[in-house]
Amino acid sequence: MRYRSIVSLLLVAVVTFLTSCSSPTVAKGPTYSPEQIAQLQDYVADVQEMRDRLLAIPPLVQQQRWNDVQTYIHGPLGEMRVRMSRLARGLEPKLQKEALNAAKEVFEHVVLIDEATVANDSRKALFNYNQALQDFDAFLKYVPAEALGSESVS
């Protein structure tokens, strides 16, 4: 009887030691099917178009063409939030919330640019433009590299 207890205790010690010495499992990143990547690539193209359109704002602000800035924000950039949200919802569930928050940050800066045009405040407009670009690039970091393809984040 005593021999069984010692053998059991020794066996538990060996199993515990071997388990603690084993290498940890490596967590894999998000995986997407080829169909999901193709869909994300379409969304990325739409979102990248919005980012490229943002580049038209600084010259208009520098020339103090406030009506043109407002028209541009409400016109060509009007779909930016919808397109960014669509892309974010196509990501892995654990990335969606962060991506949606980053998209919200971009949009909030665009709203602040719009407010700056009402006040004719070029400094506020350009500051928020720069912040919007930074947040836009942060948003694109949630997109898998395969979906970005040859697109580059400036």
C-alpha atoms as a PDB file:
ATOM      1  CA  MET A   1       0.000   0.000   0.000  1.00  0.00           C
ATOM      2  CA  ARG A   2       2.791   2.394   0.900  1.00  0.00           C
ATOM      3  CA  TYR A   3       4.630   1.566  -2.321  1.00  0.00           C
ATOM      4  CA  ARG A   4       1.561   2.631  -4.408  1.00  0.00           C
ATOM      5  CA  SER A   5       1.363   5.999  -2.648  1.00  0.00           C
ATOM      6  CA  ILE A   6       5.028   6.742  -3.305  1.00  0.00           C
ATOM      7  CA  VAL A   7       4.735   5.706  -6.972  1.00  0.00           C
ATOM      8  CA  SER A   8       1.598   7.852  -7.412  1.00  0.00           C
ATOM      9  CA  LEU A   9       3.276  10.854  -5.815  1.00  0.00           C
ATOM     10  CA  LEU A  10       6.366  10.353  -7.974  1.00  0.00           C
ATOM     11  CA  LEU A  11       4.200  10.065 -11.101  1.00  0.00           C
ATOM     12  CA  VAL A  12       2.354  13.310 -10.273  1.00  0.00           C
ATOM     13  CA  ALA A  13       5.682  15.097  -9.734  1.00  0.00           C
ATOM     14  CA  VAL A  14       7.052  13.896 -13.080  1.00  0.00           C
ATOM     15  CA  VAL A  15       3.883  14.904 -14.985  1.00  0.00           C
ATOM     16  CA  THR A  16       3.858  18.329 -13.312  1.00  0.00           C
ATOM     17  CA  PHE A  17       7.523  18.856 -14.163  1.00  0.00           C
ATOM     18  CA  LEU A  18       7.064  17.823 -17.792  1.00  0.00           C
ATOM     19  CA  THR A  19       3.990  20.019 -18.190  1.00  0.00           C
ATOM     20  CA  SER A  20       5.758  23.043 -16.764  1.00  0.00           C
ATOM     21  CA  CYS A  21       8.757  22.520 -19.044  1.00  0.00           C
ATOM     22  CA  SER A  22       6.729  22.234 -22.225  1.00  0.00           C
ATOM     23  CA  SER A  23       6.688  25.150 -24.621  1.00  0.00           C
ATOM     24  CA  PRO A  24       3.626  27.411 -24.570  1.00  0.00           C
ATOM     25  CA  THR A  25       1.196  27.339 -27.444  1.00  0.00           C
ATOM     26  CA  VAL A  26       1.585  30.241 -29.809  1.00  0.00           C
ATOM     27  CA  ALA A  27      -1.585  32.181 -30.469  1.00  0.00           C
ATOM     28  CA  LYS A  28      -2.290  32.608 -34.144  1.00  0.00           C
ATOM     29  CA  GLY A  29      -3.367  35.912 -35.556  1.00  0.00           C
ATOM     30  CA  PRO A  30      -6.652  36.448 -37.312  1.00  0.00           C
ATOM     31  CA  THR A  31      -7.150  34.231 -40.328  1.00  0.00           C
ATOM     32  CA  TYR A  32      -9.298  35.147 -43.275  1.00  0.00           C
ATOM     33  CA  SER A  33     -10.575  33.040 -46.129  1.00  0.00           C
ATOM     34  CA  PRO A  34      -9.642  34.039 -49.687  1.00  0.00           C
ATOM     35  CA  GLU A  35     -13.220  35.275 -50.174  1.00  0.00           C
ATOM     36  CA  GLN A  36     -12.978  37.470 -47.083  1.00  0.00           C
ATOM     37  CA  ILE A  37      -9.643  38.875 -48.275  1.00  0.00           C
ATOM     38  CA  ALA A  38     -11.176  39.695 -51.671  1.00  0.00           C
ATOM     39  CA  GLN A  39     -14.097  41.451 -49.959  1.00  0.00           C
ATOM     40  CA  LEU A  40     -11.743  43.362 -47.661  1.00  0.00           C
ATOM     41  CA  GLN A  41      -9.649  44.424 -50.664  1.00  0.00           C
ATOM     42  CA  ASP A  42     -12.750  46.007 -52.212  1.00  0.00           C
ATOM     43  CA  TYR A  43     -13.499  47.818 -48.956  1.00  0.00           C
ATOM     44  CA  VAL A  44      -9.874  48.935 -48.619  1.00  0.00           C
ATOM     45  CA  ALA A  45      -9.983  50.439 -52.123  1.00  0.00           C
ATOM     46  CA  ASP A  46     -13.062  52.459 -51.149  1.00  0.00           C
ATOM     47  CA  VAL A  47     -11.513  53.602 -47.877  1.00  0.00           C
ATOM     48  CA  GLN A  48      -8.173  54.446 -49.499  1.00  0.00           C
ATOM     49  CA  GLU A  49     -10.071  56.609 -51.994  1.00  0.00           C
ATOM     50  CA  MET A  50     -11.525  58.544 -49.037  1.00  0.00           C
ATOM     51  CA  ARG A  51      -8.057  58.998 -47.552  1.00  0.00           C
ATOM     52  CA  ASP A  52      -6.756  60.286 -50.881  1.00  0.00           C
ATOM     53  CA  ARG A  53      -9.636  62.753 -51.018  1.00  0.00           C
ATOM     54  CA  LEU A  54      -8.626  64.155 -47.638  1.00  0.00           C
ATOM     55  CA  LEU A  55      -5.440  65.431 -49.285  1.00  0.00           C
ATOM     56  CA  ALA A  56      -7.441  68.150 -51.058  1.00  0.00           C
ATOM     57  CA  ILE A  57      -8.296  69.901 -47.777  1.00  0.00           C
ATOM     58  CA  PRO A  58      -4.996  71.667 -46.855  1.00  0.00           C
ATOM     59  CA  PRO A  59      -4.720  73.741 -50.055  1.00  0.00           C
ATOM     60  CA  LEU A  60      -8.320  74.883 -49.635  1.00  0.00           C
ATOM     61  CA  VAL A  61      -7.691  75.810 -45.995  1.00  0.00           C
ATOM     62  CA  GLN A  62      -4.473  77.661 -46.842  1.00  0.00           C
ATOM     63  CA  GLN A  63      -6.364  79.663 -49.450  1.00  0.00           C
ATOM     64  CA  GLN A  64      -9.123  80.225 -46.862  1.00  0.00           C
ATOM     65  CA  ARG A  65     -11.758  78.873 -49.213  1.00  0.00           C
ATOM     66  CA  TRP A  66     -14.021  77.931 -46.319  1.00  0.00           C
ATOM     67  CA  ASN A  67     -17.148  77.256 -48.372  1.00  0.00           C
ATOM     68  CA  ASP A  68     -15.173  74.910 -50.608  1.00  0.00           C
ATOM     69  CA  VAL A  69     -13.820  73.037 -47.581  1.00  0.00           C
ATOM     70  CA  GLN A  70     -17.327  72.614 -46.183  1.00  0.00           C
ATOM     71  CA  THR A  71     -18.670  71.518 -49.551  1.00  0.00           C
ATOM     72  CA  TYR A  72     -15.833  69.035 -49.908  1.00  0.00           C
ATOM     73  CA  ILE A  73     -16.408  67.588 -46.430  1.00  0.00           C
ATOM     74  CA  HIS A  74     -20.136  67.180 -46.980  1.00  0.00           C
ATOM     75  CA  GLY A  75     -19.786  66.105 -50.612  1.00  0.00           C
ATOM     76  CA  PRO A  76     -16.915  63.842 -51.675  1.00  0.00           C
ATOM     77  CA  LEU A  77     -16.041  62.914 -48.071  1.00  0.00           C
ATOM     78  CA  GLY A  78     -19.663  62.365 -47.078  1.00  0.00           C
ATOM     79  CA  GLU A  79     -19.461  58.575 -47.354  1.00  0.00           C
ATOM     80  CA  MET A  80     -16.232  58.201 -45.410  1.00  0.00           C
ATOM     81  CA  ARG A  81     -17.831  57.024 -42.169  1.00  0.00           C
ATOM     82  CA  VAL A  82     -20.028  54.465 -43.941  1.00  0.00           C
ATOM     83  CA  ARG A  83     -17.124  53.035 -45.932  1.00  0.00           C
ATOM     84  CA  MET A  84     -14.803  52.827 -42.938  1.00  0.00           C
ATOM     85  CA  SER A  85     -17.518  51.163 -40.840  1.00  0.00           C
ATOM     86  CA  ARG A  86     -18.169  48.632 -43.600  1.00  0.00           C
ATOM     87  CA  LEU A  87     -14.478  47.731 -43.687  1.00  0.00           C
ATOM     88  CA  ALA A  88     -14.283  47.489 -39.891  1.00  0.00           C
ATOM     89  CA  ARG A  89     -17.280  45.149 -39.766  1.00  0.00           C
ATOM     90  CA  GLY A  90     -15.514  42.844 -42.238  1.00  0.00           C
ATOM     91  CA  LEU A  91     -12.618  42.310 -39.829  1.00  0.00           C
ATOM     92  CA  GLU A  92     -12.260  39.587 -37.213  1.00  0.00           C
ATOM     93  CA  PRO A  93     -14.732  40.147 -34.346  1.00  0.00           C
ATOM     94  CA  LYS A  94     -11.996  40.931 -31.829  1.00  0.00           C
ATOM     95  CA  LEU A  95     -10.610  43.674 -34.112  1.00  0.00           C
ATOM     96  CA  GLN A  96     -13.950  45.224 -35.055  1.00  0.00           C
ATOM     97  CA  LYS A  97     -14.392  47.306 -31.914  1.00  0.00           C
ATOM     98  CA  GLU A  98     -10.911  48.846 -32.103  1.00  0.00           C
ATOM     99  CA  ALA A  99     -11.267  49.517 -35.826  1.00  0.00           C
ATOM    100  CA  LEU A 100     -14.687  51.117 -35.344  1.00  0.00           C
ATOM    101  CA  ASN A 101     -13.256  53.324 -32.589  1.00  0.00           C
ATOM    102  CA  ALA A 102     -10.398  54.387 -34.874  1.00  0.00           C
ATOM    103  CA  ALA A 103     -12.915  55.193 -37.633  1.00  0.00           C
ATOM    104  CA  LYS A 104     -14.917  57.246 -35.147  1.00  0.00           C
ATOM    105  CA  GLU A 105     -11.774  59.206 -34.250  1.00  0.00           C
ATOM    106  CA  VAL A 106     -11.175  60.035 -37.925  1.00  0.00           C
ATOM    107  CA  PHE A 107     -14.727  61.221 -38.341  1.00  0.00           C
ATOM    108  CA  GLU A 108     -14.577  63.349 -35.183  1.00  0.00           C
ATOM    109  CA  HIS A 109     -11.545  65.163 -36.581  1.00  0.00           C
ATOM    110  CA  VAL A 110     -13.355  65.767 -39.855  1.00  0.00           C
ATOM    111  CA  VAL A 111     -16.248  67.267 -37.877  1.00  0.00           C
ATOM    112  CA  LEU A 112     -13.742  69.522 -36.087  1.00  0.00           C
ATOM    113  CA  ILE A 113     -12.348  70.612 -39.459  1.00  0.00           C
ATOM    114  CA  ASP A 114     -15.892  71.516 -40.463  1.00  0.00           C
ATOM    115  CA  GLU A 115     -16.321  73.512 -37.236  1.00  0.00           C
ATOM    116  CA  ALA A 116     -13.024  75.299 -37.917  1.00  0.00           C
ATOM    117  CA  THR A 117     -14.304  76.431 -41.304  1.00  0.00           C
ATOM    118  CA  VAL A 118     -17.285  78.103 -39.641  1.00  0.00           C
ATOM    119  CA  ALA A 119     -14.880  79.982 -37.355  1.00  0.00           C
ATOM    120  CA  ASN A 120     -12.411  80.649 -40.211  1.00  0.00           C
ATOM    121  CA  ASP A 121      -9.716  79.027 -38.061  1.00  0.00           C
ATOM    122  CA  SER A 122      -7.074  77.629 -40.391  1.00  0.00           C
ATOM    123  CA  ARG A 123      -4.831  76.508 -37.521  1.00  0.00           C
ATOM    124  CA  LYS A 124      -7.585  74.365 -35.981  1.00  0.00           C
ATOM    125  CA  ALA A 125      -8.534  73.002 -39.396  1.00  0.00           C
ATOM    126  CA  LEU A 126      -4.974  71.985 -40.283  1.00  0.00           C
ATOM    127  CA  PHE A 127      -4.325  70.501 -36.822  1.00  0.00           C
ATOM    128  CA  ASN A 128      -7.432  68.328 -37.086  1.00  0.00           C
ATOM    129  CA  TYR A 129      -6.551  67.418 -40.657  1.00  0.00           C
ATOM    130  CA  ASN A 130      -3.194  66.060 -39.443  1.00  0.00           C
ATOM    131  CA  GLN A 131      -4.912  64.216 -36.592  1.00  0.00           C
ATOM    132  CA  ALA A 132      -7.425  62.726 -39.023  1.00  0.00           C
ATOM    133  CA  LEU A 133      -4.612  61.394 -41.209  1.00  0.00           C
ATOM    134  CA  GLN A 134      -2.858  59.852 -38.189  1.00  0.00           C
ATOM    135  CA  ASP A 135      -6.086  58.210 -37.044  1.00  0.00           C
ATOM    136  CA  PHE A 136      -6.761  57.035 -40.585  1.00  0.00           C
ATOM    137  CA  ASP A 137      -3.379  55.315 -40.690  1.00  0.00           C
ATOM    138  CA  ALA A 138      -4.060  53.802 -37.269  1.00  0.00           C
ATOM    139  CA  PHE A 139      -7.375  52.488 -38.618  1.00  0.00           C
ATOM    140  CA  LEU A 140      -5.637  50.846 -41.589  1.00  0.00           C
ATOM    141  CA  LYS A 141      -3.287  48.970 -39.240  1.00  0.00           C
ATOM    142  CA  TYR A 142      -6.237  46.766 -38.244  1.00  0.00           C
ATOM    143  CA  VAL A 143      -6.612  45.570 -41.827  1.00  0.00           C
ATOM    144  CA  PRO A 144      -4.676  42.372 -42.641  1.00  0.00           C
ATOM    145  CA  ALA A 145      -1.659  42.874 -44.883  1.00  0.00           C
ATOM    146  CA  GLU A 146      -3.103  40.516 -47.498  1.00  0.00           C
ATOM    147  CA  ALA A 147      -6.105  42.813 -47.904  1.00  0.00           C
ATOM    148  CA  LEU A 148      -3.945  45.911 -48.257  1.00  0.00           C
ATOM    149  CA  GLY A 149      -2.129  44.339 -51.191  1.00  0.00           C
ATOM    150  CA  SER A 150      -0.004  46.904 -52.963  1.00  0.00           C
ATOM    151  CA  GLU A 151      -1.772  49.767 -51.169  1.00  0.00           C
ATOM    152  CA  SER A 152       0.634  51.584 -48.929  1.00  0.00           C
ATOM    153  CA  VAL A 153      -0.174  53.620 -45.885  1.00  0.00           C
ATOM    154  CA  SER A 154       1.455  57.044 -46.161  1.00  0.00           C
END
